[in-house]
Amino acid sequence: MIELRSVNEWYDVLEKSKEEPLLVLKHSTTCPISAAAYQAFGASTADVPKYFLKVRESRPISNEIEENLGIQHESPQLFLLKDGKAVWQATHHAIRQSEVDKAVEEFV
């Protein structure tokens, strides 16, 4: 898993999704639900690149993601990106290893 720390890195990831599918997690370091989602995300066996950002520390990136994807911000929030778009997303308790793996299998 690679942490996104700048808006430019987000744009690089968005562009990379046009070449290969990938996952991006918005993670809150102060929320127990987000901690569980982060663990499920990390445990996923999906063979795609995985990125995450800490929403409190990286609010500008989180805002850009919301604007670029046209999906209202939530945290935790996981996106499967393909061709520069979110083809799947989940929030809160719906972020489970089995669901992540299933989504990647279905959309990749």
PDB file of N, CA and C in Angstrom:
ATOM      1  N   MET A   1       0.846  -1.179   0.000  1.00  0.00           N
ATOM      2  CA  MET A   1       0.000   0.000   0.000  1.00  0.00           C
ATOM      3  C   MET A   1       0.889   1.240   0.000  1.00  0.00           C
ATOM      4  N   ILE A   2       0.483   2.189  -0.826  1.00  0.00           N
ATOM      5  CA  ILE A   2       1.253   3.416  -0.962  1.00  0.00           C
ATOM      6  C   ILE A   2       0.395   4.588  -0.496  1.00  0.00           C
ATOM      7  N   GLU A   3       0.947   5.414   0.380  1.00  0.00           N
ATOM      8  CA  GLU A   3       0.218   6.572   0.879  1.00  0.00           C
ATOM      9  C   GLU A   3       0.332   7.733  -0.099  1.00  0.00           C
ATOM     10  N   LEU A   4      -0.803   8.339  -0.403  1.00  0.00           N
ATOM     11  CA  LEU A   4      -0.830   9.551  -1.217  1.00  0.00           C
ATOM     12  C   LEU A   4      -0.636  10.738  -0.293  1.00  0.00           C
ATOM     13  N   ARG A   5       0.319  11.602  -0.640  1.00  0.00           N
ATOM     14  CA  ARG A   5       0.634  12.740   0.223  1.00  0.00           C
ATOM     15  C   ARG A   5       0.480  14.093  -0.469  1.00  0.00           C
ATOM     16  N   SER A   6       0.161  14.073  -1.763  1.00  0.00           N
ATOM     17  CA  SER A   6      -0.010  15.339  -2.474  1.00  0.00           C
ATOM     18  C   SER A   6      -1.075  15.198  -3.555  1.00  0.00           C
ATOM     19  N   VAL A   7      -1.629  16.327  -3.943  1.00  0.00           N
ATOM     20  CA  VAL A   7      -2.626  16.342  -5.005  1.00  0.00           C
ATOM     21  C   VAL A   7      -1.997  15.830  -6.304  1.00  0.00           C
ATOM     22  N   ASN A   8      -0.737  16.183  -6.556  1.00  0.00           N
ATOM     23  CA  ASN A   8      -0.069  15.699  -7.763  1.00  0.00           C
ATOM     24  C   ASN A   8       0.035  14.183  -7.781  1.00  0.00           C
ATOM     25  N   GLU A   9       0.295  13.581  -6.631  1.00  0.00           N
ATOM     26  CA  GLU A   9       0.326  12.114  -6.562  1.00  0.00           C
ATOM     27  C   GLU A   9      -1.051  11.534  -6.885  1.00  0.00           C
ATOM     28  N   TRP A  10      -2.109  12.184  -6.401  1.00  0.00           N
ATOM     29  CA  TRP A  10      -3.465  11.730  -6.723  1.00  0.00           C
ATOM     30  C   TRP A  10      -3.681  11.765  -8.238  1.00  0.00           C
ATOM     31  N   TYR A  11      -3.282  12.854  -8.879  1.00  0.00           N
ATOM     32  CA  TYR A  11      -3.463  12.944 -10.329  1.00  0.00           C
ATOM     33  C   TYR A  11      -2.642  11.880 -11.063  1.00  0.00           C
ATOM     34  N   ASP A  12      -1.473  11.549 -10.560  1.00  0.00           N
ATOM     35  CA  ASP A  12      -0.678  10.459 -11.145  1.00  0.00           C
ATOM     36  C   ASP A  12      -1.418   9.129 -11.023  1.00  0.00           C
ATOM     37  N   VAL A  13      -2.026   8.886  -9.862  1.00  0.00           N
ATOM     38  CA  VAL A  13      -2.777   7.650  -9.641  1.00  0.00           C
ATOM     39  C   VAL A  13      -4.009   7.609 -10.541  1.00  0.00           C
ATOM     40  N   LEU A  14      -4.711   8.713 -10.640  1.00  0.00           N
ATOM     41  CA  LEU A  14      -5.883   8.774 -11.507  1.00  0.00           C
ATOM     42  C   LEU A  14      -5.495   8.461 -12.951  1.00  0.00           C
ATOM     43  N   GLU A  15      -4.376   9.008 -13.394  1.00  0.00           N
ATOM     44  CA  GLU A  15      -3.878   8.739 -14.749  1.00  0.00           C
ATOM     45  C   GLU A  15      -3.453   7.280 -14.889  1.00  0.00           C
ATOM     46  N   LYS A  16      -2.801   6.734 -13.873  1.00  0.00           N
ATOM     47  CA  LYS A  16      -2.368   5.335 -13.893  1.00  0.00           C
ATOM     48  C   LYS A  16      -3.564   4.385 -14.016  1.00  0.00           C
ATOM     49  N   SER A  17      -4.703   4.799 -13.461  1.00  0.00           N
ATOM     50  CA  SER A  17      -5.895   3.944 -13.525  1.00  0.00           C
ATOM     51  C   SER A  17      -6.391   3.771 -14.960  1.00  0.00           C
ATOM     52  N   LYS A  18      -5.920   4.602 -15.866  1.00  0.00           N
ATOM     53  CA  LYS A  18      -6.274   4.447 -17.277  1.00  0.00           C
ATOM     54  C   LYS A  18      -5.482   3.321 -17.923  1.00  0.00           C
ATOM     55  N   GLU A  19      -4.385   2.924 -17.269  1.00  0.00           N
ATOM     56  CA  GLU A  19      -3.548   1.829 -17.772  1.00  0.00           C
ATOM     57  C   GLU A  19      -3.844   0.506 -17.072  1.00  0.00           C
ATOM     58  N   GLU A  20      -4.193   0.600 -15.771  1.00  0.00           N
ATOM     59  CA  GLU A  20      -4.505  -0.598 -14.993  1.00  0.00           C
ATOM     60  C   GLU A  20      -5.443  -0.236 -13.845  1.00  0.00           C
ATOM     61  N   PRO A  21      -6.350  -1.142 -13.485  1.00  0.00           N
ATOM     62  CA  PRO A  21      -7.246  -0.877 -12.355  1.00  0.00           C
ATOM     63  C   PRO A  21      -6.448  -0.781 -11.052  1.00  0.00           C
ATOM     64  N   LEU A  22      -6.975  -0.002 -10.110  1.00  0.00           N
ATOM     65  CA  LEU A  22      -6.309   0.143  -8.815  1.00  0.00           C
ATOM     66  C   LEU A  22      -7.314   0.556  -7.756  1.00  0.00           C
ATOM     67  N   LEU A  23      -6.904   0.433  -6.507  1.00  0.00           N
ATOM     68  CA  LEU A  23      -7.756   0.760  -5.362  1.00  0.00           C
ATOM     69  C   LEU A  23      -7.221   1.989  -4.631  1.00  0.00           C
ATOM     70  N   VAL A  24      -8.142   2.826  -4.160  1.00  0.00           N
ATOM     71  CA  VAL A  24      -7.782   4.002  -3.357  1.00  0.00           C
ATOM     72  C   VAL A  24      -8.719   4.048  -2.152  1.00  0.00           C
ATOM     73  N   LEU A  25      -8.134   4.127  -0.969  1.00  0.00           N
ATOM     74  CA  LEU A  25      -8.892   4.190   0.283  1.00  0.00           C
ATOM     75  C   LEU A  25      -8.714   5.550   0.938  1.00  0.00           C
ATOM     76  N   LYS A  26      -9.838   6.174   1.294  1.00  0.00           N
ATOM     77  CA  LYS A  26      -9.818   7.360   2.151  1.00  0.00           C
ATOM     78  C   LYS A  26      -9.937   6.844   3.578  1.00  0.00           C
ATOM     79  N   HIS A  27      -8.950   7.154   4.398  1.00  0.00           N
ATOM     80  CA  HIS A  27      -8.839   6.577   5.732  1.00  0.00           C
ATOM     81  C   HIS A  27      -8.740   7.664   6.793  1.00  0.00           C
ATOM     82  N   SER A  28      -9.525   7.523   7.855  1.00  0.00           N
ATOM     83  CA  SER A  28      -9.439   8.429   8.999  1.00  0.00           C
ATOM     84  C   SER A  28      -8.663   7.730  10.108  1.00  0.00           C
ATOM     85  N   THR A  29      -7.604   8.348  10.560  1.00  0.00           N
ATOM     86  CA  THR A  29      -6.749   7.749  11.585  1.00  0.00           C
ATOM     87  C   THR A  29      -7.364   7.832  12.979  1.00  0.00           C
ATOM     88  N   THR A  30      -8.509   8.497  13.114  1.00  0.00           N
ATOM     89  CA  THR A  30      -9.130   8.640  14.435  1.00  0.00           C
ATOM     90  C   THR A  30     -10.430   7.847  14.577  1.00  0.00           C
ATOM     91  N   CYS A  31     -10.784   7.091  13.570  1.00  0.00           N
ATOM     92  CA  CYS A  31     -12.081   6.399  13.561  1.00  0.00           C
ATOM     93  C   CYS A  31     -11.899   4.881  13.620  1.00  0.00           C
ATOM     94  N   PRO A  32     -12.529   4.202  14.580  1.00  0.00           N
ATOM     95  CA  PRO A  32     -12.393   2.750  14.676  1.00  0.00           C
ATOM     96  C   PRO A  32     -12.995   2.004  13.471  1.00  0.00           C
ATOM     97  N   ILE A  33     -14.054   2.556  12.885  1.00  0.00           N
ATOM     98  CA  ILE A  33     -14.622   1.930  11.686  1.00  0.00           C
ATOM     99  C   ILE A  33     -13.615   2.005  10.545  1.00  0.00           C
ATOM    100  N   SER A  34     -12.952   3.138  10.436  1.00  0.00           N
ATOM    101  CA  SER A  34     -11.934   3.309   9.402  1.00  0.00           C
ATOM    102  C   SER A  34     -10.738   2.389   9.652  1.00  0.00           C
ATOM    103  N   ALA A  35     -10.397   2.181  10.905  1.00  0.00           N
ATOM    104  CA  ALA A  35      -9.293   1.270  11.234  1.00  0.00           C
ATOM    105  C   ALA A  35      -9.612  -0.145  10.757  1.00  0.00           C
ATOM    106  N   ALA A  36     -10.851  -0.580  10.940  1.00  0.00           N
ATOM    107  CA  ALA A  36     -11.262  -1.909  10.476  1.00  0.00           C
ATOM    108  C   ALA A  36     -11.245  -1.969   8.951  1.00  0.00           C
ATOM    109  N   ALA A  37     -11.693  -0.908   8.303  1.00  0.00           N
ATOM    110  CA  ALA A  37     -11.682  -0.860   6.840  1.00  0.00           C
ATOM    111  C   ALA A  37     -10.248  -0.895   6.310  1.00  0.00           C
ATOM    112  N   TYR A  38      -9.359  -0.182   6.987  1.00  0.00           N
ATOM    113  CA  TYR A  38      -7.939  -0.164   6.597  1.00  0.00           C
ATOM    114  C   TYR A  38      -7.347  -1.568   6.683  1.00  0.00           C
ATOM    115  N   GLN A  39      -7.677  -2.302   7.734  1.00  0.00           N
ATOM    116  CA  GLN A  39      -7.194  -3.682   7.881  1.00  0.00           C
ATOM    117  C   GLN A  39      -7.743  -4.570   6.781  1.00  0.00           C
ATOM    118  N   ALA A  40      -9.029  -4.453   6.482  1.00  0.00           N
ATOM    119  CA  ALA A  40      -9.647  -5.257   5.428  1.00  0.00           C
ATOM    120  C   ALA A  40      -9.026  -4.930   4.076  1.00  0.00           C
ATOM    121  N   PHE A  41      -8.776  -3.666   3.831  1.00  0.00           N
ATOM    122  CA  PHE A  41      -8.141  -3.203   2.602  1.00  0.00           C
ATOM    123  C   PHE A  41      -6.749  -3.814   2.476  1.00  0.00           C
ATOM    124  N   GLY A  42      -5.982  -3.756   3.548  1.00  0.00           N
ATOM    125  CA  GLY A  42      -4.630  -4.310   3.543  1.00  0.00           C
ATOM    126  C   GLY A  42      -4.608  -5.816   3.397  1.00  0.00           C
ATOM    127  N   ALA A  43      -5.636  -6.492   3.893  1.00  0.00           N
ATOM    128  CA  ALA A  43      -5.700  -7.949   3.836  1.00  0.00           C
ATOM    129  C   ALA A  43      -6.207  -8.467   2.494  1.00  0.00           C
ATOM    130  N   SER A  44      -6.726  -7.587   1.678  1.00  0.00           N
ATOM    131  CA  SER A  44      -7.252  -8.001   0.378  1.00  0.00           C
ATOM    132  C   SER A  44      -6.164  -8.691  -0.438  1.00  0.00           C
ATOM    133  N   THR A  45      -6.545  -9.775  -1.086  1.00  0.00           N
ATOM    134  CA  THR A  45      -5.601 -10.516  -1.932  1.00  0.00           C
ATOM    135  C   THR A  45      -5.687 -10.074  -3.390  1.00  0.00           C
ATOM    136  N   ALA A  46      -6.479  -9.056  -3.653  1.00  0.00           N
ATOM    137  CA  ALA A  46      -6.636  -8.545  -5.018  1.00  0.00           C
ATOM    138  C   ALA A  46      -5.287  -8.117  -5.577  1.00  0.00           C
ATOM    139  N   ASP A  47      -5.029  -8.527  -6.806  1.00  0.00           N
ATOM    140  CA  ASP A  47      -3.744  -8.256  -7.444  1.00  0.00           C
ATOM    141  C   ASP A  47      -3.810  -6.950  -8.242  1.00  0.00           C
ATOM    142  N   VAL A  48      -4.032  -5.859  -7.531  1.00  0.00           N
ATOM    143  CA  VAL A  48      -4.040  -4.526  -8.131  1.00  0.00           C
ATOM    144  C   VAL A  48      -3.287  -3.588  -7.189  1.00  0.00           C
ATOM    145  N   PRO A  49      -2.732  -2.504  -7.726  1.00  0.00           N
ATOM    146  CA  PRO A  49      -2.063  -1.541  -6.855  1.00  0.00           C
ATOM    147  C   PRO A  49      -3.047  -0.947  -5.841  1.00  0.00           C
ATOM    148  N   LYS A  50      -2.542  -0.687  -4.636  1.00  0.00           N
ATOM    149  CA  LYS A  50      -3.371  -0.160  -3.550  1.00  0.00           C
ATOM    150  C   LYS A  50      -2.764   1.141  -3.031  1.00  0.00           C
ATOM    151  N   TYR A  51      -3.615   2.158  -2.956  1.00  0.00           N
ATOM    152  CA  TYR A  51      -3.214   3.466  -2.457  1.00  0.00           C
ATOM    153  C   TYR A  51      -4.173   3.885  -1.356  1.00  0.00           C
ATOM    154  N   PHE A  52      -3.694   4.734  -0.457  1.00  0.00           N
ATOM    155  CA  PHE A  52      -4.560   5.265   0.586  1.00  0.00           C
ATOM    156  C   PHE A  52      -4.133   6.679   0.927  1.00  0.00           C
ATOM    157  N   LEU A  53      -5.047   7.413   1.544  1.00  0.00           N
ATOM    158  CA  LEU A  53      -4.701   8.716   2.071  1.00  0.00           C
ATOM    159  C   LEU A  53      -5.372   8.877   3.419  1.00  0.00           C
ATOM    160  N   LYS A  54      -4.730   9.632   4.266  1.00  0.00           N
ATOM    161  CA  LYS A  54      -5.274   9.968   5.582  1.00  0.00           C
ATOM    162  C   LYS A  54      -6.046  11.269   5.417  1.00  0.00           C
ATOM    163  N   VAL A  55      -7.366  11.189   5.557  1.00  0.00           N
ATOM    164  CA  VAL A  55      -8.205  12.331   5.201  1.00  0.00           C
ATOM    165  C   VAL A  55      -7.949  13.576   6.049  1.00  0.00           C
ATOM    166  N   ARG A  56      -7.711  13.414   7.327  1.00  0.00           N
ATOM    167  CA  ARG A  56      -7.476  14.597   8.172  1.00  0.00           C
ATOM    168  C   ARG A  56      -6.167  15.296   7.805  1.00  0.00           C
ATOM    169  N   GLU A  57      -5.162  14.514   7.500  1.00  0.00           N
ATOM    170  CA  GLU A  57      -3.858  15.067   7.180  1.00  0.00           C
ATOM    171  C   GLU A  57      -3.754  15.505   5.717  1.00  0.00           C
ATOM    172  N   SER A  58      -4.652  15.004   4.881  1.00  0.00           N
ATOM    173  CA  SER A  58      -4.564  15.263   3.439  1.00  0.00           C
ATOM    174  C   SER A  58      -5.906  15.725   2.878  1.00  0.00           C
ATOM    175  N   ARG A  59      -6.519  16.671   3.532  1.00  0.00           N
ATOM    176  CA  ARG A  59      -7.830  17.160   3.110  1.00  0.00           C
ATOM    177  C   ARG A  59      -7.842  17.641   1.660  1.00  0.00           C
ATOM    178  N   PRO A  60      -6.809  18.359   1.165  1.00  0.00           N
ATOM    179  CA  PRO A  60      -6.846  18.786  -0.243  1.00  0.00           C
ATOM    180  C   PRO A  60      -6.941  17.603  -1.222  1.00  0.00           C
ATOM    181  N   ILE A  61      -6.274  16.502  -0.915  1.00  0.00           N
ATOM    182  CA  ILE A  61      -6.358  15.325  -1.790  1.00  0.00           C
ATOM    183  C   ILE A  61      -7.767  14.758  -1.741  1.00  0.00           C
ATOM    184  N   SER A  62      -8.311  14.637  -0.554  1.00  0.00           N
ATOM    185  CA  SER A  62      -9.658  14.117  -0.389  1.00  0.00           C
ATOM    186  C   SER A  62     -10.666  14.960  -1.161  1.00  0.00           C
ATOM    187  N   ASN A  63     -10.512  16.274  -1.096  1.00  0.00           N
ATOM    188  CA  ASN A  63     -11.410  17.172  -1.831  1.00  0.00           C
ATOM    189  C   ASN A  63     -11.284  16.980  -3.337  1.00  0.00           C
ATOM    190  N   GLU A  64     -10.068  16.808  -3.828  1.00  0.00           N
ATOM    191  CA  GLU A  64      -9.855  16.585  -5.262  1.00  0.00           C
ATOM    192  C   GLU A  64     -10.485  15.275  -5.720  1.00  0.00           C
ATOM    193  N   ILE A  65     -10.355  14.242  -4.892  1.00  0.00           N
ATOM    194  CA  ILE A  65     -10.962  12.952  -5.231  1.00  0.00           C
ATOM    195  C   ILE A  65     -12.467  13.107  -5.360  1.00  0.00           C
ATOM    196  N   GLU A  66     -13.077  13.788  -4.392  1.00  0.00           N
ATOM    197  CA  GLU A  66     -14.521  14.004  -4.430  1.00  0.00           C
ATOM    198  C   GLU A  66     -14.919  14.745  -5.707  1.00  0.00           C
ATOM    199  N   GLU A  67     -14.177  15.789  -6.030  1.00  0.00           N
ATOM    200  CA  GLU A  67     -14.489  16.586  -7.214  1.00  0.00           C
ATOM    201  C   GLU A  67     -14.251  15.801  -8.505  1.00  0.00           C
ATOM    202  N   ASN A  68     -13.119  15.123  -8.588  1.00  0.00           N
ATOM    203  CA  ASN A  68     -12.781  14.394  -9.823  1.00  0.00           C
ATOM    204  C   ASN A  68     -13.696  13.217 -10.094  1.00  0.00           C
ATOM    205  N   LEU A  69     -14.076  12.497  -9.048  1.00  0.00           N
ATOM    206  CA  LEU A  69     -14.908  11.314  -9.229  1.00  0.00           C
ATOM    207  C   LEU A  69     -16.399  11.622  -9.166  1.00  0.00           C
ATOM    208  N   GLY A  70     -16.756  12.794  -8.638  1.00  0.00           N
ATOM    209  CA  GLY A  70     -18.158  13.167  -8.531  1.00  0.00           C
ATOM    210  C   GLY A  70     -18.927  12.329  -7.518  1.00  0.00           C
ATOM    211  N   ILE A  71     -18.220  11.862  -6.491  1.00  0.00           N
ATOM    212  CA  ILE A  71     -18.831  11.037  -5.451  1.00  0.00           C
ATOM    213  C   ILE A  71     -18.619  11.741  -4.113  1.00  0.00           C
ATOM    214  N   GLN A  72     -19.707  11.965  -3.394  1.00  0.00           N
ATOM    215  CA  GLN A  72     -19.639  12.677  -2.119  1.00  0.00           C
ATOM    216  C   GLN A  72     -18.675  11.996  -1.157  1.00  0.00           C
ATOM    217  N   HIS A  73     -17.895  12.799  -0.452  1.00  0.00           N
ATOM    218  CA  HIS A  73     -16.906  12.310   0.510  1.00  0.00           C
ATOM    219  C   HIS A  73     -17.559  11.580   1.675  1.00  0.00           C
ATOM    220  N   GLU A  74     -16.977  10.448   2.004  1.00  0.00           N
ATOM    221  CA  GLU A  74     -17.272   9.730   3.240  1.00  0.00           C
ATOM    222  C   GLU A  74     -15.943   9.161   3.723  1.00  0.00           C
ATOM    223  N   SER A  75     -15.912   8.753   4.956  1.00  0.00           N
ATOM    224  CA  SER A  75     -14.692   8.161   5.487  1.00  0.00           C
ATOM    225  C   SER A  75     -15.068   7.124   6.539  1.00  0.00           C
ATOM    226  N   PRO A  76     -14.576   5.917   6.356  1.00  0.00           N
ATOM    227  CA  PRO A  76     -13.718   5.437   5.282  1.00  0.00           C
ATOM    228  C   PRO A  76     -14.502   5.252   3.986  1.00  0.00           C
ATOM    229  N   GLN A  77     -13.752   5.333   2.894  1.00  0.00           N
ATOM    230  CA  GLN A  77     -14.354   5.189   1.569  1.00  0.00           C
ATOM    231  C   GLN A  77     -13.318   4.563   0.653  1.00  0.00           C
ATOM    232  N   LEU A  78     -13.742   3.530  -0.049  1.00  0.00           N
ATOM    233  CA  LEU A  78     -12.838   2.794  -0.937  1.00  0.00           C
ATOM    234  C   LEU A  78     -13.357   2.843  -2.357  1.00  0.00           C
ATOM    235  N   PHE A  79     -12.454   3.122  -3.289  1.00  0.00           N
ATOM    236  CA  PHE A  79     -12.789   3.184  -4.709  1.00  0.00           C
ATOM    237  C   PHE A  79     -11.967   2.165  -5.491  1.00  0.00           C
ATOM    238  N   LEU A  80     -12.599   1.532  -6.449  1.00  0.00           N
ATOM    239  CA  LEU A  80     -11.898   0.767  -7.470  1.00  0.00           C
ATOM    240  C   LEU A  80     -11.925   1.641  -8.712  1.00  0.00           C
ATOM    241  N   LEU A  81     -10.751   2.084  -9.144  1.00  0.00           N
ATOM    242  CA  LEU A  81     -10.649   2.974 -10.294  1.00  0.00           C
ATOM    243  C   LEU A  81     -10.218   2.194 -11.523  1.00  0.00           C
ATOM    244  N   LYS A  82     -10.847   2.525 -12.626  1.00  0.00           N
ATOM    245  CA  LYS A  82     -10.519   1.919 -13.919  1.00  0.00           C
ATOM    246  C   LYS A  82     -10.834   2.962 -14.988  1.00  0.00           C
ATOM    247  N   ASP A  83      -9.900   3.177 -15.879  1.00  0.00           N
ATOM    248  CA  ASP A  83     -10.089   4.156 -16.958  1.00  0.00           C
ATOM    249  C   ASP A  83     -10.397   5.552 -16.425  1.00  0.00           C
ATOM    250  N   GLY A  84      -9.794   5.911 -15.290  1.00  0.00           N
ATOM    251  CA  GLY A  84      -9.963   7.244 -14.729  1.00  0.00           C
ATOM    252  C   GLY A  84     -11.281   7.486 -14.022  1.00  0.00           C
ATOM    253  N   LYS A  85     -12.048   6.409 -13.788  1.00  0.00           N
ATOM    254  CA  LYS A  85     -13.354   6.550 -13.142  1.00  0.00           C
ATOM    255  C   LYS A  85     -13.507   5.520 -12.035  1.00  0.00           C
ATOM    256  N   ALA A  86     -14.383   5.823 -11.085  1.00  0.00           N
ATOM    257  CA  ALA A  86     -14.716   4.850 -10.043  1.00  0.00           C
ATOM    258  C   ALA A  86     -15.745   3.888 -10.625  1.00  0.00           C
ATOM    259  N   VAL A  87     -15.366   2.616 -10.734  1.00  0.00           N
ATOM    260  CA  VAL A  87     -16.303   1.608 -11.245  1.00  0.00           C
ATOM    261  C   VAL A  87     -16.992   0.882 -10.102  1.00  0.00           C
ATOM    262  N   TRP A  88     -16.478   1.088  -8.884  1.00  0.00           N
ATOM    263  CA  TRP A  88     -17.052   0.491  -7.676  1.00  0.00           C
ATOM    264  C   TRP A  88     -16.588   1.322  -6.498  1.00  0.00           C
ATOM    265  N   GLN A  89     -17.433   1.409  -5.487  1.00  0.00           N
ATOM    266  CA  GLN A  89     -17.021   2.086  -4.250  1.00  0.00           C
ATOM    267  C   GLN A  89     -17.807   1.518  -3.088  1.00  0.00           C
ATOM    268  N   ALA A  90     -17.206   1.591  -1.925  1.00  0.00           N
ATOM    269  CA  ALA A  90     -17.840   1.127  -0.691  1.00  0.00           C
ATOM    270  C   ALA A  90     -17.440   2.065   0.437  1.00  0.00           C
ATOM    271  N   THR A  91     -18.285   2.113   1.463  1.00  0.00           N
ATOM    272  CA  THR A  91     -17.982   2.949   2.617  1.00  0.00           C
ATOM    273  C   THR A  91     -18.231   2.164   3.901  1.00  0.00           C
ATOM    274  N   HIS A  92     -17.639   2.632   4.953  1.00  0.00           N
ATOM    275  CA  HIS A  92     -17.845   2.148   6.312  1.00  0.00           C
ATOM    276  C   HIS A  92     -17.758   0.621   6.425  1.00  0.00           C
ATOM    277  N   HIS A  93     -18.798  -0.010   6.973  1.00  0.00           N
ATOM    278  CA  HIS A  93     -18.763  -1.451   7.236  1.00  0.00           C
ATOM    279  C   HIS A  93     -18.821  -2.297   5.963  1.00  0.00           C
ATOM    280  N   ALA A  94     -19.145  -1.694   4.846  1.00  0.00           N
ATOM    281  CA  ALA A  94     -19.173  -2.434   3.574  1.00  0.00           C
ATOM    282  C   ALA A  94     -17.766  -2.704   3.042  1.00  0.00           C
ATOM    283  N   ILE A  95     -16.769  -2.073   3.648  1.00  0.00           N
ATOM    284  CA  ILE A  95     -15.388  -2.320   3.230  1.00  0.00           C
ATOM    285  C   ILE A  95     -14.881  -3.539   3.982  1.00  0.00           C
ATOM    286  N   ARG A  96     -15.034  -4.684   3.337  1.00  0.00           N
ATOM    287  CA  ARG A  96     -14.592  -5.968   3.895  1.00  0.00           C
ATOM    288  C   ARG A  96     -13.703  -6.656   2.868  1.00  0.00           C
ATOM    289  N   GLN A  97     -12.763  -7.430   3.351  1.00  0.00           N
ATOM    290  CA  GLN A  97     -11.827  -8.106   2.451  1.00  0.00           C
ATOM    291  C   GLN A  97     -12.564  -8.865   1.350  1.00  0.00           C
ATOM    292  N   SER A  98     -13.578  -9.624   1.721  1.00  0.00           N
ATOM    293  CA  SER A  98     -14.304 -10.420   0.735  1.00  0.00           C
ATOM    294  C   SER A  98     -14.957  -9.548  -0.325  1.00  0.00           C
ATOM    295  N   GLU A  99     -15.502  -8.393   0.083  1.00  0.00           N
ATOM    296  CA  GLU A  99     -16.160  -7.501  -0.870  1.00  0.00           C
ATOM    297  C   GLU A  99     -15.152  -6.827  -1.796  1.00  0.00           C
ATOM    298  N   VAL A 100     -13.998  -6.469  -1.256  1.00  0.00           N
ATOM    299  CA  VAL A 100     -12.945  -5.864  -2.069  1.00  0.00           C
ATOM    300  C   VAL A 100     -12.482  -6.868  -3.126  1.00  0.00           C
ATOM    301  N   ASP A 101     -12.189  -8.076  -2.692  1.00  0.00           N
ATOM    302  CA  ASP A 101     -11.732  -9.112  -3.614  1.00  0.00           C
ATOM    303  C   ASP A 101     -12.791  -9.414  -4.676  1.00  0.00           C
ATOM    304  N   LYS A 102     -14.045  -9.459  -4.254  1.00  0.00           N
ATOM    305  CA  LYS A 102     -15.156  -9.727  -5.175  1.00  0.00           C
ATOM    306  C   LYS A 102     -15.280  -8.605  -6.213  1.00  0.00           C
ATOM    307  N   ALA A 103     -15.171  -7.365  -5.779  1.00  0.00           N
ATOM    308  CA  ALA A 103     -15.270  -6.234  -6.703  1.00  0.00           C
ATOM    309  C   ALA A 103     -14.149  -6.259  -7.727  1.00  0.00           C
ATOM    310  N   VAL A 104     -12.940  -6.530  -7.271  1.00  0.00           N
ATOM    311  CA  VAL A 104     -11.813  -6.578  -8.203  1.00  0.00           C
ATOM    312  C   VAL A 104     -12.017  -7.705  -9.213  1.00  0.00           C
ATOM    313  N   GLU A 105     -12.466  -8.845  -8.730  1.00  0.00           N
ATOM    314  CA  GLU A 105     -12.713  -9.966  -9.631  1.00  0.00           C
ATOM    315  C   GLU A 105     -13.793  -9.622 -10.667  1.00  0.00           C
ATOM    316  N   GLU A 106     -14.817  -8.932 -10.238  1.00  0.00           N
ATOM    317  CA  GLU A 106     -15.940  -8.589 -11.124  1.00  0.00           C
ATOM    318  C   GLU A 106     -15.585  -7.517 -12.139  1.00  0.00           C
ATOM    319  N   PHE A 107     -14.854  -6.489 -11.729  1.00  0.00           N
ATOM    320  CA  PHE A 107     -14.621  -5.344 -12.598  1.00  0.00           C
ATOM    321  C   PHE A 107     -13.279  -5.339 -13.313  1.00  0.00           C
ATOM    322  N   VAL A 108     -12.389  -6.245 -12.950  1.00  0.00           N
ATOM    323  CA  VAL A 108     -11.064  -6.258 -13.573  1.00  0.00           C
ATOM    324  C   VAL A 108     -10.964  -7.364 -14.532  1.00  0.00           C
TER     325      VAL A 108
END
